[in-house]
Amino acid sequence: MDMDREKIRRTEHTVSLRAREGLEVRGVTDVISFDEQAVVLQTVCGTMTVEGASLHIHVLSMEEGIVTMDGRIDTVSYEDTEESDPNGKGGFFGKLFR
């Protein structure tokens, strides 16, 4: 299991949005929560939140780090973590308010 997580950590993180109705995310390490209005994923680039309506997960492969979903996608956002920001700079706002 740890080898699978290490493989995912080395995986490139990609997000592919199709007409705001379909989304494929690669580089996923965990699914934190999901319902029809929001899906929260831990990725190699931080915590990713997808908000919308009628969201349904179609593919969930933790071995490959892939999640695909459909529905109306309104928002895709990230929350930086120390793991995704190894220099401790805090992302854009951290640099802005230094």
N, C-alpha and C. Protein backbone atom coordinates (compact mmCIF):
# COMPACT_ATOMS: atom_id res chain seq x y z
N MET A 1 0.82 -1.20 0.00
CA MET A 1 0.00 0.00 0.00
C MET A 1 0.86 1.26 0.00
N ASP A 2 1.92 1.30 0.81
CA ASP A 2 2.80 2.46 0.84
C ASP A 2 3.49 2.67 -0.49
N MET A 3 3.80 1.57 -1.19
CA MET A 3 4.42 1.69 -2.50
C MET A 3 3.46 2.34 -3.49
N ASP A 4 2.15 2.02 -3.39
CA ASP A 4 1.16 2.63 -4.25
C ASP A 4 1.09 4.14 -4.00
N ARG A 5 1.09 4.54 -2.74
CA ARG A 5 1.06 5.97 -2.41
C ARG A 5 2.32 6.68 -2.92
N GLU A 6 3.48 6.03 -2.78
CA GLU A 6 4.72 6.63 -3.27
C GLU A 6 4.67 6.77 -4.79
N LYS A 7 4.12 5.79 -5.48
CA LYS A 7 3.98 5.85 -6.94
C LYS A 7 3.08 7.03 -7.32
N ILE A 8 1.97 7.22 -6.58
CA ILE A 8 1.06 8.33 -6.86
C ILE A 8 1.76 9.66 -6.59
N ARG A 9 2.57 9.75 -5.52
CA ARG A 9 3.26 11.00 -5.20
C ARG A 9 4.18 11.43 -6.35
N ARG A 10 4.73 10.46 -7.05
CA ARG A 10 5.60 10.78 -8.17
C ARG A 10 4.82 11.01 -9.45
N THR A 11 3.51 10.78 -9.41
CA THR A 11 2.66 10.96 -10.58
C THR A 11 2.41 12.43 -10.82
N GLU A 12 2.33 12.77 -12.07
CA GLU A 12 1.98 14.13 -12.44
C GLU A 12 0.53 14.41 -12.07
N HIS A 13 0.27 15.60 -11.58
CA HIS A 13 -1.09 16.00 -11.23
C HIS A 13 -1.70 16.71 -12.43
N THR A 14 -2.79 16.17 -12.95
CA THR A 14 -3.49 16.80 -14.07
C THR A 14 -4.97 16.90 -13.76
N VAL A 15 -5.58 17.93 -14.31
CA VAL A 15 -7.02 18.15 -14.18
C VAL A 15 -7.55 18.41 -15.59
N SER A 16 -8.53 17.61 -16.00
CA SER A 16 -9.12 17.78 -17.32
C SER A 16 -10.62 18.02 -17.16
N LEU A 17 -11.05 19.22 -17.53
CA LEU A 17 -12.46 19.61 -17.41
C LEU A 17 -13.06 19.67 -18.81
N ARG A 18 -14.18 18.98 -19.01
CA ARG A 18 -14.85 18.95 -20.30
C ARG A 18 -16.21 19.63 -20.19
N ALA A 19 -16.30 20.83 -20.76
CA ALA A 19 -17.55 21.58 -20.87
C ALA A 19 -18.27 21.73 -19.52
N ARG A 20 -17.51 21.84 -18.44
CA ARG A 20 -18.06 21.99 -17.08
C ARG A 20 -19.01 20.85 -16.70
N GLU A 21 -18.95 19.73 -17.43
CA GLU A 21 -19.83 18.60 -17.13
C GLU A 21 -19.08 17.32 -16.81
N GLY A 22 -17.80 17.26 -17.11
CA GLY A 22 -17.01 16.08 -16.82
C GLY A 22 -15.63 16.49 -16.35
N LEU A 23 -15.09 15.78 -15.36
CA LEU A 23 -13.80 16.13 -14.79
C LEU A 23 -13.00 14.86 -14.54
N GLU A 24 -11.73 14.87 -14.96
CA GLU A 24 -10.81 13.78 -14.64
C GLU A 24 -9.64 14.39 -13.88
N VAL A 25 -9.30 13.79 -12.75
CA VAL A 25 -8.20 14.27 -11.91
C VAL A 25 -7.22 13.13 -11.74
N ARG A 26 -5.94 13.39 -11.99
CA ARG A 26 -4.86 12.42 -11.77
C ARG A 26 -3.93 12.96 -10.69
N GLY A 27 -3.33 12.06 -9.95
CA GLY A 27 -2.47 12.47 -8.83
C GLY A 27 -3.24 12.55 -7.53
N VAL A 28 -4.36 11.82 -7.45
CA VAL A 28 -5.19 11.79 -6.24
C VAL A 28 -4.62 10.77 -5.26
N THR A 29 -4.46 11.18 -4.01
CA THR A 29 -3.95 10.26 -2.98
C THR A 29 -5.04 9.79 -2.02
N ASP A 30 -6.16 10.54 -1.94
CA ASP A 30 -7.24 10.16 -1.03
C ASP A 30 -8.51 10.92 -1.39
N VAL A 31 -9.65 10.31 -1.12
CA VAL A 31 -10.94 10.98 -1.23
C VAL A 31 -11.36 11.31 0.19
N ILE A 32 -11.44 12.58 0.51
CA ILE A 32 -11.76 13.01 1.87
C ILE A 32 -13.26 12.96 2.11
N SER A 33 -14.05 13.49 1.16
CA SER A 33 -15.51 13.42 1.28
C SER A 33 -16.13 13.66 -0.09
N PHE A 34 -17.38 13.23 -0.22
CA PHE A 34 -18.10 13.51 -1.46
C PHE A 34 -19.60 13.40 -1.24
N ASP A 35 -20.33 14.25 -1.93
CA ASP A 35 -21.78 14.17 -2.04
C ASP A 35 -22.16 14.83 -3.37
N GLU A 36 -23.42 15.08 -3.60
CA GLU A 36 -23.86 15.61 -4.89
C GLU A 36 -23.47 17.08 -5.09
N GLN A 37 -23.08 17.79 -4.02
CA GLN A 37 -22.72 19.20 -4.14
C GLN A 37 -21.22 19.46 -4.06
N ALA A 38 -20.45 18.54 -3.50
CA ALA A 38 -19.01 18.79 -3.34
C ALA A 38 -18.24 17.47 -3.25
N VAL A 39 -17.04 17.49 -3.85
CA VAL A 39 -16.11 16.38 -3.75
C VAL A 39 -14.79 16.98 -3.26
N VAL A 40 -14.24 16.42 -2.18
CA VAL A 40 -12.99 16.92 -1.62
C VAL A 40 -11.95 15.81 -1.77
N LEU A 41 -10.85 16.13 -2.50
CA LEU A 41 -9.81 15.16 -2.80
C LEU A 41 -8.48 15.64 -2.25
N GLN A 42 -7.68 14.71 -1.74
CA GLN A 42 -6.29 15.03 -1.41
C GLN A 42 -5.48 14.66 -2.64
N THR A 43 -4.71 15.62 -3.18
CA THR A 43 -3.89 15.37 -4.35
C THR A 43 -2.43 15.63 -4.00
N VAL A 44 -1.56 15.31 -4.93
CA VAL A 44 -0.14 15.57 -4.71
C VAL A 44 0.17 17.06 -4.69
N CYS A 45 -0.80 17.90 -5.08
CA CYS A 45 -0.63 19.36 -5.07
C CYS A 45 -1.47 20.04 -4.01
N GLY A 46 -2.01 19.31 -3.07
CA GLY A 46 -2.82 19.90 -2.00
C GLY A 46 -4.25 19.38 -2.03
N THR A 47 -5.07 19.92 -1.14
CA THR A 47 -6.46 19.52 -1.04
C THR A 47 -7.26 20.25 -2.11
N MET A 48 -7.99 19.48 -2.92
CA MET A 48 -8.76 20.02 -4.04
C MET A 48 -10.24 19.84 -3.74
N THR A 49 -11.01 20.91 -3.91
CA THR A 49 -12.45 20.86 -3.70
C THR A 49 -13.15 21.17 -5.01
N VAL A 50 -14.08 20.30 -5.39
CA VAL A 50 -14.90 20.50 -6.58
C VAL A 50 -16.32 20.73 -6.09
N GLU A 51 -16.92 21.86 -6.47
CA GLU A 51 -18.29 22.17 -6.06
C GLU A 51 -19.18 22.27 -7.29
N GLY A 52 -20.44 21.89 -7.13
CA GLY A 52 -21.39 21.95 -8.24
C GLY A 52 -22.71 21.33 -7.84
N ALA A 53 -23.35 20.69 -8.79
CA ALA A 53 -24.65 20.05 -8.55
C ALA A 53 -24.69 18.72 -9.30
N SER A 54 -25.39 17.77 -8.72
CA SER A 54 -25.55 16.43 -9.32
C SER A 54 -24.19 15.79 -9.63
N LEU A 55 -23.23 15.95 -8.73
CA LEU A 55 -21.90 15.37 -8.94
C LEU A 55 -21.93 13.88 -8.65
N HIS A 56 -21.38 13.09 -9.56
CA HIS A 56 -21.30 11.64 -9.41
C HIS A 56 -19.89 11.18 -9.77
N ILE A 57 -19.29 10.36 -8.93
CA ILE A 57 -17.98 9.79 -9.21
C ILE A 57 -18.19 8.53 -10.03
N HIS A 58 -17.50 8.45 -11.18
CA HIS A 58 -17.62 7.28 -12.06
C HIS A 58 -16.43 6.35 -11.92
N VAL A 59 -15.24 6.90 -11.87
CA VAL A 59 -14.03 6.08 -11.73
C VAL A 59 -13.31 6.54 -10.47
N LEU A 60 -12.96 5.57 -9.63
CA LEU A 60 -12.19 5.84 -8.42
C LEU A 60 -11.12 4.76 -8.34
N SER A 61 -9.92 5.09 -8.76
CA SER A 61 -8.81 4.15 -8.74
C SER A 61 -7.69 4.73 -7.89
N MET A 62 -7.65 4.33 -6.64
CA MET A 62 -6.62 4.83 -5.74
C MET A 62 -5.25 4.25 -6.11
N GLU A 63 -5.22 3.05 -6.71
CA GLU A 63 -3.95 2.46 -7.13
C GLU A 63 -3.28 3.32 -8.19
N GLU A 64 -4.08 3.90 -9.11
CA GLU A 64 -3.54 4.73 -10.17
C GLU A 64 -3.67 6.23 -9.86
N GLY A 65 -4.40 6.58 -8.81
CA GLY A 65 -4.56 7.97 -8.42
C GLY A 65 -5.48 8.75 -9.34
N ILE A 66 -6.52 8.08 -9.87
CA ILE A 66 -7.43 8.70 -10.84
C ILE A 66 -8.85 8.76 -10.28
N VAL A 67 -9.49 9.92 -10.45
CA VAL A 67 -10.90 10.09 -10.13
C VAL A 67 -11.55 10.78 -11.32
N THR A 68 -12.67 10.24 -11.80
CA THR A 68 -13.46 10.92 -12.82
C THR A 68 -14.86 11.12 -12.27
N MET A 69 -15.46 12.26 -12.65
CA MET A 69 -16.81 12.57 -12.18
C MET A 69 -17.55 13.36 -13.24
N ASP A 70 -18.87 13.39 -13.10
CA ASP A 70 -19.67 14.24 -13.98
C ASP A 70 -20.72 14.95 -13.16
N GLY A 71 -21.40 15.88 -13.78
CA GLY A 71 -22.39 16.73 -13.13
C GLY A 71 -22.10 18.17 -13.53
N ARG A 72 -22.79 19.11 -12.94
CA ARG A 72 -22.52 20.51 -13.22
C ARG A 72 -21.40 20.98 -12.29
N ILE A 73 -20.27 21.37 -12.87
CA ILE A 73 -19.11 21.76 -12.09
C ILE A 73 -19.03 23.28 -12.07
N ASP A 74 -19.16 23.85 -10.88
CA ASP A 74 -19.15 25.31 -10.70
C ASP A 74 -17.79 25.83 -10.26
N THR A 75 -17.10 25.10 -9.38
CA THR A 75 -15.86 25.60 -8.78
C THR A 75 -14.86 24.46 -8.59
N VAL A 76 -13.60 24.75 -8.91
CA VAL A 76 -12.49 23.86 -8.57
C VAL A 76 -11.49 24.72 -7.82
N SER A 77 -11.16 24.34 -6.58
CA SER A 77 -10.24 25.15 -5.78
C SER A 77 -9.27 24.26 -5.03
N TYR A 78 -8.15 24.86 -4.61
CA TYR A 78 -7.11 24.15 -3.87
C TYR A 78 -6.84 24.85 -2.55
N GLU A 79 -6.47 24.04 -1.58
CA GLU A 79 -5.97 24.54 -0.31
C GLU A 79 -4.57 23.96 -0.17
N ASP A 80 -3.57 24.83 -0.07
CA ASP A 80 -2.19 24.36 0.04
C ASP A 80 -1.98 23.68 1.38
N THR A 81 -1.11 22.65 1.35
CA THR A 81 -0.70 21.98 2.57
C THR A 81 0.81 22.05 2.63
N GLU A 82 1.38 21.73 3.78
CA GLU A 82 2.84 21.72 3.90
C GLU A 82 3.45 20.73 2.93
N GLU A 83 2.76 19.60 2.69
CA GLU A 83 3.28 18.60 1.77
C GLU A 83 3.33 19.13 0.35
N SER A 84 2.34 19.93 -0.05
CA SER A 84 2.32 20.47 -1.40
C SER A 84 3.16 21.73 -1.52
N ASP A 85 3.59 22.29 -0.39
CA ASP A 85 4.40 23.51 -0.38
C ASP A 85 5.64 23.26 0.48
N PRO A 86 6.59 22.44 -0.02
CA PRO A 86 7.71 22.02 0.82
C PRO A 86 8.61 23.16 1.28
N ASN A 87 8.60 24.31 0.62
CA ASN A 87 9.43 25.43 1.04
C ASN A 87 8.77 26.29 2.11
N GLY A 88 7.51 25.99 2.42
CA GLY A 88 6.81 26.72 3.47
C GLY A 88 6.48 28.15 3.10
N LYS A 89 6.38 28.45 1.84
CA LYS A 89 6.10 29.82 1.40
C LYS A 89 4.63 30.18 1.49
N GLY A 90 3.74 29.19 1.54
CA GLY A 90 2.32 29.49 1.70
C GLY A 90 1.60 29.86 0.42
N GLY A 91 2.15 29.52 -0.73
CA GLY A 91 1.48 29.81 -1.99
C GLY A 91 1.47 31.29 -2.33
N PHE A 92 0.56 31.68 -3.19
CA PHE A 92 0.46 33.05 -3.68
C PHE A 92 0.29 34.06 -2.56
N PHE A 93 -0.68 33.83 -1.67
CA PHE A 93 -0.94 34.79 -0.60
C PHE A 93 0.20 34.83 0.42
N GLY A 94 0.84 33.70 0.65
CA GLY A 94 1.99 33.68 1.54
C GLY A 94 3.13 34.55 1.02
N LYS A 95 3.34 34.53 -0.29
CA LYS A 95 4.37 35.37 -0.89
C LYS A 95 3.94 36.83 -0.90
N LEU A 96 2.69 37.07 -1.13
CA LEU A 96 2.17 38.43 -1.20
C LEU A 96 2.29 39.16 0.13
N PHE A 97 2.01 38.45 1.24
CA PHE A 97 1.99 39.08 2.56
C PHE A 97 3.23 38.82 3.39
N ARG A 98 4.34 38.51 2.78
CA ARG A 98 5.59 38.29 3.52
C ARG A 98 6.16 39.58 4.01
